[in-house]
Amino acid sequence: MSERIINSAWRFVLITVVFVLTCSAMFQFYQGVLNIFGGAWELGIVPMIAAGVMGAGVYWLARHREELVEV
């Protein structure tokens, strides 16, 4: 019984991390795009790089989710 609760909690934590990182990456990406279109391309580069790094992390977590959670 406790193993089932721990497994469900771990799944919830994993899904929450993927959701938060995805939302954060999208926000950073759009902030970078708006900065670049606004003429401040120097300020737009950092959010774009951050969005790429977070996007790669989300991709890695989503791709290897079956290895992180035992079925």
N, C-alpha and C. Protein backbone atom coordinates (compact mmCIF):
# COMPACT_ATOMS: atom_id res chain seq x y z
N MET A 1 0.81 -1.20 0.00
CA MET A 1 0.00 0.00 0.00
C MET A 1 0.86 1.26 0.00
N SER A 2 1.87 1.29 0.87
CA SER A 2 2.72 2.49 0.93
C SER A 2 3.55 2.63 -0.34
N GLU A 3 3.90 1.52 -0.96
CA GLU A 3 4.65 1.59 -2.22
C GLU A 3 3.80 2.24 -3.30
N ARG A 4 2.51 1.95 -3.30
CA ARG A 4 1.61 2.54 -4.28
C ARG A 4 1.48 4.05 -4.07
N ILE A 5 1.42 4.47 -2.81
CA ILE A 5 1.33 5.90 -2.51
C ILE A 5 2.61 6.61 -2.92
N ILE A 6 3.75 6.02 -2.62
CA ILE A 6 5.03 6.62 -3.00
C ILE A 6 5.17 6.68 -4.52
N ASN A 7 4.75 5.63 -5.21
CA ASN A 7 4.81 5.62 -6.67
C ASN A 7 3.92 6.70 -7.27
N SER A 8 2.71 6.87 -6.71
CA SER A 8 1.81 7.92 -7.20
C SER A 8 2.37 9.30 -6.91
N ALA A 9 2.96 9.48 -5.74
CA ALA A 9 3.56 10.78 -5.41
C ALA A 9 4.73 11.09 -6.34
N TRP A 10 5.56 10.10 -6.65
CA TRP A 10 6.68 10.31 -7.55
C TRP A 10 6.19 10.67 -8.95
N ARG A 11 5.14 10.01 -9.42
CA ARG A 11 4.57 10.35 -10.73
C ARG A 11 4.05 11.79 -10.74
N PHE A 12 3.38 12.19 -9.64
CA PHE A 12 2.86 13.55 -9.54
C PHE A 12 3.99 14.57 -9.56
N VAL A 13 5.06 14.30 -8.83
CA VAL A 13 6.21 15.20 -8.81
C VAL A 13 6.83 15.30 -10.20
N LEU A 14 6.98 14.19 -10.88
CA LEU A 14 7.57 14.19 -12.22
C LEU A 14 6.72 14.98 -13.21
N ILE A 15 5.41 14.77 -13.16
CA ILE A 15 4.51 15.50 -14.06
C ILE A 15 4.53 16.99 -13.74
N THR A 16 4.58 17.33 -12.46
CA THR A 16 4.62 18.73 -12.05
C THR A 16 5.90 19.40 -12.54
N VAL A 17 7.03 18.72 -12.42
CA VAL A 17 8.31 19.28 -12.89
C VAL A 17 8.27 19.50 -14.40
N VAL A 18 7.74 18.55 -15.14
CA VAL A 18 7.64 18.70 -16.60
C VAL A 18 6.73 19.87 -16.94
N PHE A 19 5.61 20.00 -16.25
CA PHE A 19 4.66 21.08 -16.52
C PHE A 19 5.29 22.45 -16.22
N VAL A 20 5.92 22.57 -15.05
CA VAL A 20 6.51 23.86 -14.66
C VAL A 20 7.65 24.24 -15.60
N LEU A 21 8.51 23.29 -15.95
CA LEU A 21 9.60 23.59 -16.87
C LEU A 21 9.08 23.96 -18.26
N THR A 22 8.03 23.30 -18.71
CA THR A 22 7.46 23.62 -20.02
C THR A 22 6.89 25.04 -20.02
N CYS A 23 6.12 25.37 -19.00
CA CYS A 23 5.55 26.73 -18.91
C CYS A 23 6.65 27.78 -18.82
N SER A 24 7.67 27.49 -18.03
CA SER A 24 8.77 28.44 -17.88
C SER A 24 9.53 28.61 -19.19
N ALA A 25 9.76 27.52 -19.89
CA ALA A 25 10.46 27.60 -21.18
C ALA A 25 9.66 28.40 -22.19
N MET A 26 8.34 28.19 -22.21
CA MET A 26 7.51 28.95 -23.14
C MET A 26 7.52 30.43 -22.80
N PHE A 27 7.44 30.76 -21.51
CA PHE A 27 7.48 32.16 -21.09
C PHE A 27 8.81 32.80 -21.48
N GLN A 28 9.91 32.11 -21.23
CA GLN A 28 11.22 32.65 -21.57
C GLN A 28 11.36 32.84 -23.08
N PHE A 29 10.87 31.88 -23.84
CA PHE A 29 10.95 31.96 -25.29
C PHE A 29 10.18 33.18 -25.81
N TYR A 30 8.94 33.34 -25.35
CA TYR A 30 8.14 34.48 -25.82
C TYR A 30 8.72 35.80 -25.35
N GLN A 31 9.28 35.82 -24.14
CA GLN A 31 9.93 37.04 -23.67
C GLN A 31 11.13 37.38 -24.55
N GLY A 32 11.90 36.38 -24.93
CA GLY A 32 13.03 36.61 -25.82
C GLY A 32 12.60 37.09 -27.19
N VAL A 33 11.54 36.50 -27.72
CA VAL A 33 11.04 36.91 -29.03
C VAL A 33 10.56 38.37 -28.98
N LEU A 34 9.82 38.71 -27.94
CA LEU A 34 9.33 40.08 -27.84
C LEU A 34 10.49 41.07 -27.67
N ASN A 35 11.52 40.70 -26.92
CA ASN A 35 12.68 41.57 -26.79
C ASN A 35 13.39 41.76 -28.14
N ILE A 36 13.53 40.69 -28.88
CA ILE A 36 14.20 40.77 -30.19
C ILE A 36 13.39 41.62 -31.15
N PHE A 37 12.06 41.41 -31.20
CA PHE A 37 11.22 42.22 -32.08
C PHE A 37 11.15 43.67 -31.61
N GLY A 38 11.36 43.89 -30.32
CA GLY A 38 11.33 45.25 -29.78
C GLY A 38 12.62 46.02 -30.02
N GLY A 39 13.60 45.36 -30.59
CA GLY A 39 14.85 46.04 -30.91
C GLY A 39 15.95 45.82 -29.89
N ALA A 40 15.66 45.15 -28.80
CA ALA A 40 16.67 44.89 -27.78
C ALA A 40 17.15 43.44 -27.93
N TRP A 41 17.83 43.18 -29.02
CA TRP A 41 18.23 41.79 -29.30
C TRP A 41 19.25 41.28 -28.31
N GLU A 42 20.02 42.18 -27.68
CA GLU A 42 20.98 41.73 -26.67
C GLU A 42 20.25 41.13 -25.46
N LEU A 43 19.13 41.74 -25.09
CA LEU A 43 18.35 41.24 -23.97
C LEU A 43 17.52 40.01 -24.34
N GLY A 44 17.32 39.79 -25.61
CA GLY A 44 16.51 38.65 -26.05
C GLY A 44 17.28 37.36 -26.17
N ILE A 45 18.61 37.45 -26.21
CA ILE A 45 19.41 36.24 -26.39
C ILE A 45 19.39 35.36 -25.14
N VAL A 46 19.49 35.97 -23.97
CA VAL A 46 19.55 35.19 -22.72
C VAL A 46 18.27 34.39 -22.49
N PRO A 47 17.07 34.98 -22.62
CA PRO A 47 15.87 34.17 -22.45
C PRO A 47 15.73 33.05 -23.49
N MET A 48 16.21 33.32 -24.70
CA MET A 48 16.14 32.28 -25.73
C MET A 48 17.05 31.10 -25.39
N ILE A 49 18.24 31.39 -24.88
CA ILE A 49 19.15 30.31 -24.47
C ILE A 49 18.55 29.55 -23.28
N ALA A 50 17.99 30.28 -22.32
CA ALA A 50 17.36 29.64 -21.17
C ALA A 50 16.20 28.75 -21.61
N ALA A 51 15.42 29.22 -22.56
CA ALA A 51 14.30 28.43 -23.06
C ALA A 51 14.81 27.17 -23.76
N GLY A 52 15.89 27.27 -24.49
CA GLY A 52 16.46 26.09 -25.14
C GLY A 52 16.96 25.06 -24.15
N VAL A 53 17.61 25.53 -23.09
CA VAL A 53 18.12 24.61 -22.07
C VAL A 53 16.96 23.94 -21.34
N MET A 54 15.96 24.72 -20.96
CA MET A 54 14.80 24.14 -20.28
C MET A 54 14.03 23.20 -21.21
N GLY A 55 13.93 23.56 -22.47
CA GLY A 55 13.26 22.68 -23.44
C GLY A 55 13.99 21.36 -23.61
N ALA A 56 15.32 21.41 -23.61
CA ALA A 56 16.09 20.17 -23.70
C ALA A 56 15.88 19.31 -22.46
N GLY A 57 15.80 19.95 -21.28
CA GLY A 57 15.53 19.21 -20.05
C GLY A 57 14.17 18.56 -20.06
N VAL A 58 13.17 19.27 -20.54
CA VAL A 58 11.82 18.71 -20.63
C VAL A 58 11.80 17.56 -21.63
N TYR A 59 12.48 17.72 -22.73
CA TYR A 59 12.54 16.64 -23.72
C TYR A 59 13.18 15.39 -23.12
N TRP A 60 14.27 15.59 -22.35
CA TRP A 60 14.94 14.46 -21.73
C TRP A 60 14.03 13.78 -20.72
N LEU A 61 13.36 14.57 -19.88
CA LEU A 61 12.45 13.99 -18.89
C LEU A 61 11.30 13.24 -19.56
N ALA A 62 10.72 13.82 -20.60
CA ALA A 62 9.60 13.18 -21.27
C ALA A 62 10.03 11.92 -22.01
N ARG A 63 11.23 11.96 -22.58
CA ARG A 63 11.71 10.80 -23.33
C ARG A 63 12.05 9.62 -22.43
N HIS A 64 12.56 9.90 -21.25
CA HIS A 64 12.99 8.83 -20.34
C HIS A 64 12.04 8.65 -19.15
N ARG A 65 10.78 9.03 -19.32
CA ARG A 65 9.85 8.96 -18.20
C ARG A 65 9.60 7.52 -17.75
N GLU A 66 9.64 6.56 -18.66
CA GLU A 66 9.40 5.17 -18.27
C GLU A 66 10.56 4.60 -17.47
N GLU A 67 11.76 5.14 -17.66
CA GLU A 67 12.90 4.71 -16.87
C GLU A 67 12.89 5.34 -15.48
N LEU A 68 12.27 6.52 -15.36
CA LEU A 68 12.22 7.21 -14.07
C LEU A 68 11.09 6.69 -13.19
N VAL A 69 10.01 6.18 -13.80
CA VAL A 69 8.86 5.68 -13.05
C VAL A 69 8.69 4.21 -13.39
N GLU A 70 8.73 3.39 -12.37
CA GLU A 70 8.51 1.96 -12.58
C GLU A 70 7.02 1.70 -12.77
N VAL A 71 6.72 0.91 -13.76
CA VAL A 71 5.32 0.59 -14.05
C VAL A 71 4.87 -0.58 -13.24
